[in-house]
PDB file of N, CA and C in Angstrom:
ATOM      1  N   MET A   1     -16.428  -3.655 -15.245  1.00  0.00           N
ATOM      2  CA  MET A   1     -16.850  -3.123 -13.961  1.00  0.00           C
ATOM      3  C   MET A   1     -16.158  -3.847 -12.814  1.00  0.00           C
ATOM      4  N   LEU A   2     -16.007  -5.149 -12.949  1.00  0.00           N
ATOM      5  CA  LEU A   2     -15.361  -5.945 -11.905  1.00  0.00           C
ATOM      6  C   LEU A   2     -13.886  -5.579 -11.771  1.00  0.00           C
ATOM      7  N   ILE A   3     -13.234  -5.298 -12.879  1.00  0.00           N
ATOM      8  CA  ILE A   3     -11.821  -4.922 -12.851  1.00  0.00           C
ATOM      9  C   ILE A   3     -11.639  -3.606 -12.105  1.00  0.00           C
ATOM     10  N   ILE A   4     -12.526  -2.662 -12.317  1.00  0.00           N
ATOM     11  CA  ILE A   4     -12.456  -1.380 -11.619  1.00  0.00           C
ATOM     12  C   ILE A   4     -12.657  -1.598 -10.126  1.00  0.00           C
ATOM     13  N   LEU A   5     -13.580  -2.449  -9.752  1.00  0.00           N
ATOM     14  CA  LEU A   5     -13.824  -2.759  -8.349  1.00  0.00           C
ATOM     15  C   LEU A   5     -12.583  -3.350  -7.692  1.00  0.00           C
ATOM     16  N   VAL A   6     -11.893  -4.224  -8.391  1.00  0.00           N
ATOM     17  CA  VAL A   6     -10.670  -4.831  -7.859  1.00  0.00           C
ATOM     18  C   VAL A   6      -9.611  -3.769  -7.613  1.00  0.00           C
ATOM     19  N   PHE A   7      -9.422  -2.863  -8.577  1.00  0.00           N
ATOM     20  CA  PHE A   7      -8.394  -1.837  -8.431  1.00  0.00           C
ATOM     21  C   PHE A   7      -8.730  -0.818  -7.351  1.00  0.00           C
ATOM     22  N   VAL A   8      -9.999  -0.515  -7.170  1.00  0.00           N
ATOM     23  CA  VAL A   8     -10.389   0.537  -6.234  1.00  0.00           C
ATOM     24  C   VAL A   8     -10.511   0.029  -4.799  1.00  0.00           C
ATOM     25  N   ILE A   9     -10.940  -1.204  -4.608  1.00  0.00           N
ATOM     26  CA  ILE A   9     -11.193  -1.706  -3.261  1.00  0.00           C
ATOM     27  C   ILE A   9     -10.213  -2.797  -2.833  1.00  0.00           C
ATOM     28  N   LEU A  10     -10.042  -3.798  -3.644  1.00  0.00           N
ATOM     29  CA  LEU A  10      -9.282  -4.967  -3.218  1.00  0.00           C
ATOM     30  C   LEU A  10      -7.779  -4.708  -3.129  1.00  0.00           C
ATOM     31  N   LEU A  11      -7.185  -4.091  -4.125  1.00  0.00           N
ATOM     32  CA  LEU A  11      -5.737  -3.860  -4.093  1.00  0.00           C
ATOM     33  C   LEU A  11      -5.307  -2.928  -2.958  1.00  0.00           C
ATOM     34  N   PRO A  12      -6.012  -1.809  -2.705  1.00  0.00           N
ATOM     35  CA  PRO A  12      -5.625  -1.002  -1.541  1.00  0.00           C
ATOM     36  C   PRO A  12      -5.768  -1.762  -0.223  1.00  0.00           C
ATOM     37  N   LEU A  13      -6.770  -2.605  -0.117  1.00  0.00           N
ATOM     38  CA  LEU A  13      -6.943  -3.408   1.088  1.00  0.00           C
ATOM     39  C   LEU A  13      -5.787  -4.388   1.267  1.00  0.00           C
ATOM     40  N   ILE A  14      -5.362  -5.016   0.199  1.00  0.00           N
ATOM     41  CA  ILE A  14      -4.213  -5.925   0.252  1.00  0.00           C
ATOM     42  C   ILE A  14      -2.949  -5.152   0.636  1.00  0.00           C
ATOM     43  N   ALA A  15      -2.780  -3.973   0.070  1.00  0.00           N
ATOM     44  CA  ALA A  15      -1.618  -3.150   0.390  1.00  0.00           C
ATOM     45  C   ALA A  15      -1.620  -2.756   1.863  1.00  0.00           C
ATOM     46  N   LEU A  16      -2.761  -2.346   2.398  1.00  0.00           N
ATOM     47  CA  LEU A  16      -2.843  -1.953   3.806  1.00  0.00           C
ATOM     48  C   LEU A  16      -2.544  -3.118   4.738  1.00  0.00           C
ATOM     49  N   ILE A  17      -3.045  -4.290   4.404  1.00  0.00           N
ATOM     50  CA  ILE A  17      -2.759  -5.474   5.223  1.00  0.00           C
ATOM     51  C   ILE A  17      -1.265  -5.778   5.199  1.00  0.00           C
ATOM     52  N   ASP A  18      -0.644  -5.669   4.035  1.00  0.00           N
ATOM     53  CA  ASP A  18       0.792  -5.921   3.904  1.00  0.00           C
ATOM     54  C   ASP A  18       1.598  -4.883   4.692  1.00  0.00           C
ATOM     55  N   ILE A  19       1.178  -3.635   4.656  1.00  0.00           N
ATOM     56  CA  ILE A  19       1.878  -2.573   5.386  1.00  0.00           C
ATOM     57  C   ILE A  19       1.806  -2.829   6.887  1.00  0.00           C
ATOM     58  N   VAL A  20       0.631  -3.189   7.387  1.00  0.00           N
ATOM     59  CA  VAL A  20       0.452  -3.389   8.826  1.00  0.00           C
ATOM     60  C   VAL A  20       1.235  -4.608   9.316  1.00  0.00           C
ATOM     61  N   LYS A  21       1.336  -5.651   8.515  1.00  0.00           N
ATOM     62  CA  LYS A  21       2.012  -6.879   8.928  1.00  0.00           C
ATOM     63  C   LYS A  21       3.533  -6.768   8.954  1.00  0.00           C
ATOM     64  N   ASN A  22       4.112  -5.838   8.198  1.00  0.00           N
ATOM     65  CA  ASN A  22       5.558  -5.780   8.055  1.00  0.00           C
ATOM     66  C   ASN A  22       6.165  -4.572   8.747  1.00  0.00           C
ATOM     67  N   GLU A  23       7.459  -4.661   9.001  1.00  0.00           N
ATOM     68  CA  GLU A  23       8.223  -3.553   9.577  1.00  0.00           C
ATOM     69  C   GLU A  23       8.937  -2.819   8.457  1.00  0.00           C
ATOM     70  N   PHE A  24       9.082  -1.501   8.632  1.00  0.00           N
ATOM     71  CA  PHE A  24       9.721  -0.665   7.634  1.00  0.00           C
ATOM     72  C   PHE A  24      10.843   0.140   8.272  1.00  0.00           C
ATOM     73  N   THR A  25      11.746   0.634   7.441  1.00  0.00           N
ATOM     74  CA  THR A  25      12.796   1.501   7.933  1.00  0.00           C
ATOM     75  C   THR A  25      12.195   2.834   8.353  1.00  0.00           C
ATOM     76  N   ASN A  26      12.757   3.422   9.403  1.00  0.00           N
ATOM     77  CA  ASN A  26      12.306   4.715   9.948  1.00  0.00           C
ATOM     78  C   ASN A  26      10.811   4.690  10.243  1.00  0.00           C
ATOM     79  N   SER A  27      10.083   5.719   9.884  1.00  0.00           N
ATOM     80  CA  SER A  27       8.637   5.772  10.136  1.00  0.00           C
ATOM     81  C   SER A  27       7.865   5.645   8.831  1.00  0.00           C
ATOM     82  N   ASN A  28       8.365   4.851   7.928  1.00  0.00           N
ATOM     83  CA  ASN A  28       7.746   4.702   6.611  1.00  0.00           C
ATOM     84  C   ASN A  28       6.393   3.998   6.657  1.00  0.00           C
ATOM     85  N   LYS A  29       6.126   3.244   7.708  1.00  0.00           N
ATOM     86  CA  LYS A  29       4.845   2.536   7.791  1.00  0.00           C
ATOM     87  C   LYS A  29       3.686   3.539   7.805  1.00  0.00           C
ATOM     88  N   LEU A  30       3.777   4.549   8.633  1.00  0.00           N
ATOM     89  CA  LEU A  30       2.725   5.564   8.718  1.00  0.00           C
ATOM     90  C   LEU A  30       2.580   6.314   7.399  1.00  0.00           C
ATOM     91  N   ILE A  31       3.685   6.626   6.779  1.00  0.00           N
ATOM     92  CA  ILE A  31       3.651   7.340   5.499  1.00  0.00           C
ATOM     93  C   ILE A  31       2.955   6.501   4.441  1.00  0.00           C
ATOM     94  N   TRP A  32       3.270   5.223   4.353  1.00  0.00           N
ATOM     95  CA  TRP A  32       2.643   4.362   3.347  1.00  0.00           C
ATOM     96  C   TRP A  32       1.160   4.164   3.605  1.00  0.00           C
ATOM     97  N   VAL A  33       0.768   4.058   4.875  1.00  0.00           N
ATOM     98  CA  VAL A  33      -0.658   3.938   5.182  1.00  0.00           C
ATOM     99  C   VAL A  33      -1.399   5.185   4.707  1.00  0.00           C
ATOM    100  N   LEU A  34      -0.847   6.352   4.980  1.00  0.00           N
ATOM    101  CA  LEU A  34      -1.486   7.599   4.541  1.00  0.00           C
ATOM    102  C   LEU A  34      -1.553   7.707   3.020  1.00  0.00           C
ATOM    103  N   VAL A  35      -0.477   7.331   2.353  1.00  0.00           N
ATOM    104  CA  VAL A  35      -0.453   7.408   0.882  1.00  0.00           C
ATOM    105  C   VAL A  35      -1.522   6.496   0.279  1.00  0.00           C
ATOM    106  N   VAL A  36      -1.632   5.274   0.793  1.00  0.00           N
ATOM    107  CA  VAL A  36      -2.610   4.325   0.245  1.00  0.00           C
ATOM    108  C   VAL A  36      -4.040   4.765   0.581  1.00  0.00           C
ATOM    109  N   LEU A  37      -4.260   5.335   1.757  1.00  0.00           N
ATOM    110  CA  LEU A  37      -5.611   5.770   2.119  1.00  0.00           C
ATOM    111  C   LEU A  37      -6.040   7.034   1.370  1.00  0.00           C
ATOM    112  N   LEU A  38      -5.113   7.971   1.188  1.00  0.00           N
ATOM    113  CA  LEU A  38      -5.471   9.233   0.550  1.00  0.00           C
ATOM    114  C   LEU A  38      -5.533   9.130  -0.977  1.00  0.00           C
ATOM    115  N   PHE A  39      -4.699   8.273  -1.549  1.00  0.00           N
ATOM    116  CA  PHE A  39      -4.651   8.097  -3.006  1.00  0.00           C
ATOM    117  C   PHE A  39      -4.750   6.604  -3.313  1.00  0.00           C
ATOM    118  N   PRO A  40      -5.938   6.022  -3.224  1.00  0.00           N
ATOM    119  CA  PRO A  40      -6.060   4.556  -3.312  1.00  0.00           C
ATOM    120  C   PRO A  40      -5.460   3.939  -4.578  1.00  0.00           C
ATOM    121  N   PHE A  41      -5.691   4.510  -5.732  1.00  0.00           N
ATOM    122  CA  PHE A  41      -5.202   3.894  -6.967  1.00  0.00           C
ATOM    123  C   PHE A  41      -3.701   4.117  -7.146  1.00  0.00           C
ATOM    124  N   ILE A  42      -3.286   5.371  -7.169  1.00  0.00           N
ATOM    125  CA  ILE A  42      -1.872   5.704  -7.369  1.00  0.00           C
ATOM    126  C   ILE A  42      -1.032   5.260  -6.170  1.00  0.00           C
ATOM    127  N   GLY A  43      -1.556   5.448  -4.965  1.00  0.00           N
ATOM    128  CA  GLY A  43      -0.825   5.068  -3.761  1.00  0.00           C
ATOM    129  C   GLY A  43      -0.534   3.582  -3.692  1.00  0.00           C
ATOM    130  N   THR A  44      -1.499   2.778  -4.114  1.00  0.00           N
ATOM    131  CA  THR A  44      -1.302   1.326  -4.115  1.00  0.00           C
ATOM    132  C   THR A  44      -0.244   0.920  -5.129  1.00  0.00           C
ATOM    133  N   ILE A  45      -0.302   1.501  -6.296  1.00  0.00           N
ATOM    134  CA  ILE A  45       0.700   1.195  -7.319  1.00  0.00           C
ATOM    135  C   ILE A  45       2.092   1.601  -6.834  1.00  0.00           C
ATOM    136  N   LEU A  46       2.196   2.796  -6.264  1.00  0.00           N
ATOM    137  CA  LEU A  46       3.484   3.255  -5.738  1.00  0.00           C
ATOM    138  C   LEU A  46       3.985   2.349  -4.621  1.00  0.00           C
ATOM    139  N   TYR A  47       3.085   1.906  -3.750  1.00  0.00           N
ATOM    140  CA  TYR A  47       3.502   1.020  -2.667  1.00  0.00           C
ATOM    141  C   TYR A  47       4.083  -0.281  -3.208  1.00  0.00           C
ATOM    142  N   PHE A  48       3.397  -0.890  -4.177  1.00  0.00           N
ATOM    143  CA  PHE A  48       3.890  -2.167  -4.691  1.00  0.00           C
ATOM    144  C   PHE A  48       5.165  -2.008  -5.508  1.00  0.00           C
ATOM    145  N   ILE A  49       5.419  -0.828  -6.059  1.00  0.00           N
ATOM    146  CA  ILE A  49       6.650  -0.600  -6.813  1.00  0.00           C
ATOM    147  C   ILE A  49       7.794  -0.175  -5.892  1.00  0.00           C
ATOM    148  N   ILE A  50       7.537   0.779  -5.003  1.00  0.00           N
ATOM    149  CA  ILE A  50       8.600   1.371  -4.180  1.00  0.00           C
ATOM    150  C   ILE A  50       8.594   0.840  -2.748  1.00  0.00           C
ATOM    151  N   GLY A  51       7.417   0.771  -2.147  1.00  0.00           N
ATOM    152  CA  GLY A  51       7.304   0.466  -0.723  1.00  0.00           C
ATOM    153  C   GLY A  51       7.750  -0.922  -0.326  1.00  0.00           C
ATOM    154  N   THR A  52       7.545  -1.894  -1.184  1.00  0.00           N
ATOM    155  CA  THR A  52       7.933  -3.255  -0.815  1.00  0.00           C
ATOM    156  C   THR A  52       9.446  -3.403  -0.702  1.00  0.00           C
ATOM    157  N   LYS A  53      10.187  -2.505  -1.314  1.00  0.00           N
ATOM    158  CA  LYS A  53      11.651  -2.549  -1.207  1.00  0.00           C
ATOM    159  C   LYS A  53      12.148  -1.972   0.109  1.00  0.00           C
ATOM    160  N   GLN A  54      11.283  -1.252   0.831  1.00  0.00           N
ATOM    161  CA  GLN A  54      11.668  -0.613   2.089  1.00  0.00           C
ATOM    162  C   GLN A  54      11.380  -1.461   3.317  1.00  0.00           C
ATOM    163  N   LYS A  55      10.853  -2.655   3.119  1.00  0.00           N
ATOM    164  CA  LYS A  55      10.552  -3.552   4.241  1.00  0.00           C
ATOM    165  C   LYS A  55      11.843  -4.055   4.867  1.00  0.00           C
ATOM    166  N   ILE A  56      11.780  -4.267   6.178  1.00  0.00           N
ATOM    167  CA  ILE A  56      12.884  -4.914   6.886  1.00  0.00           C
ATOM    168  C   ILE A  56      12.622  -6.405   6.857  1.00  0.00           C
ATOM    169  N   LYS A  57      13.578  -7.146   6.367  1.00  0.00           N
ATOM    170  CA  LYS A  57      13.378  -8.604   6.217  1.00  0.00           C
ATOM    171  C   LYS A  57      13.868  -9.357   7.427  1.00  0.00           C
TER     172      LYS A  57
END
């Protein structure tokens, strides 16, 4: 039960904080926020796989 709670609440929250703190190419920040909010489980996984590569360093 605790593992499900982590995946459903904590990981999307961490992803949203990371998205807000960083700059992205084009308007990808808004797109990633929407993806993570609308699809919390899949969106978070996609963000950590694809989205972190789109950050401006």
